[in-house]
Amino acid sequence: MPNPLVPKDGVWRVSAHKLNMMRKCPFSLYLYLSRFPSADSDRSYLSCGNAVHDYAEELTKGCAKEPEYYLGKYDVPRVNSDGKDIHKRFYTCIENVPEYALQEGGIPERTEYTSFTTPKGRNCRLETRIDLQLEDSQLKECKGKVIVDYKTGSHVKNNNEYKLQAQCYLFAKKGEYKALFVSMLDPSEYFVIDSSPADYIPKLCDEYIDTVLMHDFERKMDFNCPRFCPYYQMYCKDEYAKCQQLIVPEEAQAEAGHDDSEN
């Protein structure tokens, strides 16, 4: 029987998001690719992040609205389930956005696709979502050609998932740009990557494809799963969920190999 997760057109759609899931928990990648439903979870940080990104994009374009508009558009709660003040988080972030979003000649948010062949001869298309592209950055963190990625959390410097995302940017831009990841909540939390092995992302994509072809979706659980994984409650919380046989839904089979932007 053909593997339903293999794209019918032979082009593997990859992204930093998918590659990070493959490294962190292949089982979550399986659920994501198969389009299994996820449980309701606290989306306060996500909605806040979306609001900040939208504000930053429109500020760069010169058409930003009042901050309250974005809070309403993304239904950002005042306080989340942990009692954290999410509105305060939003306002702190947008106070720091102008220093980056108003750099002269900045190109605001867009999605790009890069086609390439892996060392094992697989055809891939890498999706990258760029927050801000600068051709002549005058930022204190780095100068010249820079891809800026806004983060709205407080821990950026040592985040390995972000660093893989940065390497995806460098690969897509053929090493012509640096990647700056910076927290709008605390701009002292940032890192810059200015080089990456040219074959790093292609080799990682081969590892990703091998995982799918071998159906090697290991479940890797840790203390963060109950809080941060959208699949934990339905598929990993108890022994019954862990032992269920999961069958790829027909609608997922029909759309295997989708881009993240098609979700």
Protein backbone atom coordinates (compact mmCIF):
# COMPACT_ATOMS: atom_id res chain seq x y z
CA MET A 1 0.00 0.00 0.00
CA PRO A 2 1.43 3.43 -0.93
CA ASN A 3 2.50 5.69 1.92
CA PRO A 4 -0.28 8.32 2.12
CA LEU A 5 2.15 10.94 3.46
CA VAL A 6 4.32 10.87 0.34
CA PRO A 7 3.41 13.79 -1.97
CA LYS A 8 1.86 12.54 -5.19
CA ASP A 9 3.69 15.11 -7.32
CA GLY A 10 7.07 14.06 -5.93
CA VAL A 11 7.85 17.46 -4.38
CA TRP A 12 8.41 17.46 -0.63
CA ARG A 13 7.10 20.64 1.03
CA VAL A 14 9.36 21.47 3.96
CA SER A 15 9.65 24.31 6.43
CA ALA A 16 11.45 25.13 9.66
CA HIS A 17 8.25 24.24 11.50
CA LYS A 18 8.15 20.71 10.04
CA LEU A 19 11.89 20.15 10.47
CA ASN A 20 11.70 21.24 14.10
CA MET A 21 8.82 18.84 14.77
CA MET A 22 10.81 16.03 13.17
CA ARG A 23 13.73 16.70 15.50
CA LYS A 24 11.72 17.39 18.64
CA CYS A 25 8.93 14.79 18.38
CA PRO A 26 8.39 12.84 15.16
CA PHE A 27 4.98 11.70 16.43
CA SER A 28 3.74 15.30 16.49
CA LEU A 29 5.01 15.62 12.91
CA TYR A 30 2.95 12.57 11.96
CA LEU A 31 -0.18 14.09 13.50
CA TYR A 32 0.49 17.43 11.81
CA LEU A 33 1.12 15.98 8.35
CA SER A 34 -1.93 13.74 8.70
CA ARG A 35 -4.04 16.73 9.75
CA PHE A 36 -5.32 15.13 12.90
CA PRO A 37 -7.34 17.60 14.97
CA SER A 38 -5.67 19.13 18.01
CA ALA A 39 -7.24 19.87 21.35
CA ASP A 40 -8.26 23.34 22.41
CA SER A 41 -5.36 25.01 24.20
CA ASP A 42 -4.38 28.37 25.60
CA ARG A 43 -3.81 30.43 22.46
CA SER A 44 -3.24 33.72 24.26
CA TYR A 45 0.47 33.92 23.41
CA LEU A 46 -0.22 32.96 19.79
CA SER A 47 -2.93 35.59 19.38
CA CYS A 48 -0.67 38.20 20.99
CA GLY A 49 2.17 37.24 18.65
CA ASN A 50 -0.09 37.47 15.60
CA ALA A 51 -1.27 40.91 16.69
CA VAL A 52 2.31 42.16 17.14
CA HIS A 53 3.39 40.79 13.76
CA ASP A 54 0.42 42.36 11.99
CA TYR A 55 1.13 45.71 13.64
CA ALA A 56 4.81 45.50 12.66
CA GLU A 57 3.99 44.64 9.05
CA GLU A 58 1.55 47.53 8.67
CA LEU A 59 3.92 49.92 10.44
CA THR A 60 6.58 49.10 7.85
CA LYS A 61 4.02 49.70 5.09
CA GLY A 62 3.02 53.02 6.68
CA CYS A 63 -0.57 52.03 7.38
CA ALA A 64 -0.54 50.95 11.03
CA LYS A 65 -3.74 51.44 13.00
CA GLU A 66 -4.26 52.12 16.67
CA PRO A 67 -2.95 49.28 18.87
CA GLU A 68 -6.42 48.47 20.16
CA TYR A 69 -7.46 47.49 16.64
CA TYR A 70 -5.03 44.54 16.65
CA LEU A 71 -6.09 43.41 20.11
CA GLY A 72 -9.64 43.18 18.81
CA LYS A 73 -8.78 41.67 15.43
CA TYR A 74 -6.95 38.75 17.04
CA ASP A 75 -9.18 38.50 20.09
CA VAL A 76 -6.22 38.87 22.45
CA PRO A 77 -7.39 38.16 26.03
CA ARG A 78 -6.50 40.63 28.74
CA VAL A 79 -5.36 37.82 31.03
CA ASN A 80 -4.63 34.19 30.14
CA SER A 81 -5.38 30.99 32.04
CA ASP A 82 -2.16 31.36 34.05
CA GLY A 83 -3.10 34.86 35.16
CA LYS A 84 -0.51 36.52 32.90
CA ASP A 85 -1.30 40.03 31.62
CA ILE A 86 -1.34 39.48 27.85
CA HIS A 87 -2.34 43.06 27.00
CA LYS A 88 0.71 44.34 28.89
CA ARG A 89 2.83 41.90 26.89
CA PHE A 90 1.37 43.23 23.64
CA TYR A 91 1.97 46.89 24.50
CA THR A 92 5.54 46.19 25.64
CA CYS A 93 6.25 44.48 22.32
CA ILE A 94 4.85 47.22 20.10
CA GLU A 95 6.87 49.85 21.96
CA ASN A 96 9.99 48.10 20.66
CA VAL A 97 8.76 47.34 17.13
CA PRO A 98 9.43 50.77 15.50
CA GLU A 99 13.22 50.54 15.93
CA TYR A 100 13.18 47.60 13.53
CA ALA A 101 10.04 48.03 11.42
CA LEU A 102 10.88 51.62 10.46
CA GLN A 103 14.36 50.89 9.10
CA GLU A 104 14.70 52.65 5.74
CA GLY A 105 13.86 50.47 2.75
CA GLY A 106 12.49 47.59 4.82
CA ILE A 107 10.46 44.97 2.96
CA PRO A 108 7.62 43.75 5.23
CA GLU A 109 6.27 40.27 5.87
CA ARG A 110 6.05 37.81 3.00
CA THR A 111 6.30 34.10 2.23
CA GLU A 112 8.94 32.74 -0.15
CA TYR A 113 9.51 29.29 -1.66
CA THR A 114 12.90 27.82 -2.57
CA SER A 115 13.17 24.72 -4.76
CA PHE A 116 16.22 22.44 -4.51
CA THR A 117 17.40 18.84 -4.68
CA THR A 118 18.73 17.03 -1.61
CA PRO A 119 21.97 15.01 -1.52
CA LYS A 120 19.81 11.86 -1.97
CA GLY A 121 18.16 13.32 -5.05
CA ARG A 122 14.78 14.28 -3.55
CA ASN A 123 12.95 17.31 -4.93
CA CYS A 124 12.04 19.77 -2.16
CA ARG A 125 10.38 23.14 -1.78
CA LEU A 126 11.32 25.12 1.33
CA GLU A 127 8.75 27.59 2.67
CA THR A 128 10.11 30.58 4.60
CA ARG A 129 8.00 33.34 6.14
CA ILE A 130 10.04 36.49 6.44
CA ASP A 131 9.01 39.20 8.92
CA LEU A 132 11.31 41.94 7.60
CA GLN A 133 14.00 42.09 4.94
CA LEU A 134 16.59 44.87 5.09
CA GLU A 135 19.01 45.62 2.26
CA ASP A 136 21.12 48.06 4.27
CA SER A 137 20.45 47.55 7.96
CA GLN A 138 21.67 50.20 10.36
CA LEU A 139 20.56 48.25 13.41
CA LYS A 140 22.97 48.05 16.32
CA GLU A 141 22.79 44.25 16.30
CA CYS A 142 24.01 43.85 12.71
CA LYS A 143 24.57 45.85 9.53
CA GLY A 144 24.02 45.25 5.83
CA LYS A 145 21.68 42.66 4.33
CA VAL A 146 19.58 41.25 7.16
CA ILE A 147 16.47 39.13 7.64
CA VAL A 148 14.75 40.19 10.86
CA ASP A 149 12.47 37.77 12.69
CA TYR A 150 10.34 39.26 15.45
CA LYS A 151 9.75 37.08 18.49
CA THR A 152 7.31 37.95 21.25
CA GLY A 153 8.61 35.61 23.94
CA SER A 154 11.32 36.40 26.45
CA HIS A 155 13.76 33.57 25.65
CA VAL A 156 15.43 33.86 22.26
CA LYS A 157 19.22 33.58 22.58
CA ASN A 158 19.43 29.88 23.31
CA ASN A 159 16.38 28.63 21.42
CA ASN A 160 17.52 25.86 19.09
CA GLU A 161 14.24 25.86 17.15
CA TYR A 162 14.78 29.51 16.27
CA LYS A 163 18.35 28.77 15.23
CA LEU A 164 17.18 26.12 12.79
CA GLN A 165 14.66 28.62 11.43
CA ALA A 166 17.49 31.12 10.97
CA GLN A 167 19.49 28.58 9.00
CA CYS A 168 16.50 28.03 6.74
CA TYR A 169 16.55 31.76 5.98
CA LEU A 170 20.26 31.70 5.17
CA PHE A 171 19.83 28.69 2.90
CA ALA A 172 16.88 30.27 1.07
CA LYS A 173 18.85 33.50 0.61
CA LYS A 174 21.99 31.61 -0.54
CA GLY A 175 24.03 33.04 2.34
CA GLU A 176 23.66 36.62 1.11
CA TYR A 177 21.83 37.79 4.24
CA LYS A 178 22.38 37.55 7.97
CA ALA A 179 19.51 36.44 10.20
CA LEU A 180 18.59 38.47 13.28
CA PHE A 181 16.14 36.98 15.76
CA VAL A 182 15.11 39.47 18.40
CA SER A 183 12.52 39.54 21.19
CA MET A 184 10.16 42.49 21.04
CA LEU A 185 9.37 41.78 24.68
CA ASP A 186 13.03 42.19 25.64
CA PRO A 187 15.35 43.33 22.80
CA SER A 188 18.42 42.32 24.80
CA GLU A 189 17.33 38.77 23.98
CA TYR A 190 18.60 38.28 20.43
CA PHE A 191 21.04 36.36 18.30
CA VAL A 192 22.58 36.79 14.85
CA ILE A 193 23.58 33.98 12.49
CA ASP A 194 25.70 35.06 9.54
CA SER A 195 26.77 31.72 8.08
CA SER A 196 25.57 28.15 7.75
CA PRO A 197 26.93 25.09 5.87
CA ALA A 198 25.36 25.06 2.41
CA ASP A 199 24.36 21.40 2.76
CA TYR A 200 22.93 21.59 6.29
CA ILE A 201 19.28 22.16 5.36
CA PRO A 202 19.32 19.74 2.36
CA LYS A 203 20.76 16.98 4.57
CA LEU A 204 18.18 17.70 7.26
CA CYS A 205 15.46 17.45 4.62
CA ASP A 206 16.76 14.00 3.65
CA GLU A 207 16.47 13.02 7.32
CA TYR A 208 12.91 14.37 7.34
CA ILE A 209 11.97 12.43 4.20
CA ASP A 210 13.55 9.23 5.54
CA THR A 211 11.42 9.63 8.68
CA VAL A 212 8.26 9.78 6.58
CA LEU A 213 9.23 6.97 4.20
CA MET A 214 10.16 4.62 7.06
CA HIS A 215 7.14 5.72 9.09
CA ASP A 216 9.56 6.27 11.96
CA PHE A 217 7.43 8.62 14.05
CA GLU A 218 8.83 8.13 17.53
CA ARG A 219 6.86 9.68 20.38
CA LYS A 220 9.18 11.86 22.48
CA MET A 221 7.50 13.17 25.60
CA ASP A 222 8.83 15.57 28.23
CA PHE A 223 7.53 17.88 30.96
CA ASN A 224 6.63 20.58 28.41
CA CYS A 225 4.13 18.43 26.52
CA PRO A 226 1.06 18.99 28.71
CA ARG A 227 1.38 22.76 28.44
CA PHE A 228 2.70 23.40 24.96
CA CYS A 229 1.83 20.48 22.68
CA PRO A 230 -1.61 20.86 21.03
CA TYR A 231 -1.79 17.08 20.53
CA TYR A 232 -0.96 15.94 24.06
CA GLN A 233 -4.48 15.92 25.52
CA MET A 234 -5.98 13.84 22.72
CA TYR A 235 -3.15 11.48 21.77
CA CYS A 236 -0.62 11.20 24.59
CA LYS A 237 -2.26 11.94 27.94
CA ASP A 238 -3.23 8.42 28.97
CA GLU A 239 -2.35 4.85 28.10
CA TYR A 240 -5.44 4.43 25.91
CA ALA A 241 -4.45 7.42 23.79
CA LYS A 242 -0.87 6.18 23.55
CA CYS A 243 -1.97 2.76 22.30
CA GLN A 244 -4.63 3.79 19.79
CA GLN A 245 -3.92 2.93 16.21
CA LEU A 246 -4.05 6.17 14.26
CA ILE A 247 -5.14 5.98 10.64
CA VAL A 248 -4.36 8.87 8.30
CA PRO A 249 -7.68 10.56 7.45
CA GLU A 250 -8.75 10.43 3.80
CA GLU A 251 -8.71 14.22 3.48
CA ALA A 252 -5.07 14.24 4.60
CA GLN A 253 -4.21 11.56 2.06
CA ALA A 254 -5.72 13.69 -0.66
CA GLU A 255 -3.60 16.68 0.35
CA ALA A 256 -0.35 15.07 1.48
CA GLY A 257 2.68 17.30 1.18
CA HIS A 258 0.88 20.58 1.89
CA ASP A 259 2.73 23.80 2.66
CA ASP A 260 2.35 25.27 6.15
CA SER A 261 0.55 28.26 4.62
CA GLU A 262 -2.14 25.90 3.30
CA ASN A 263 -3.22 24.85 6.79
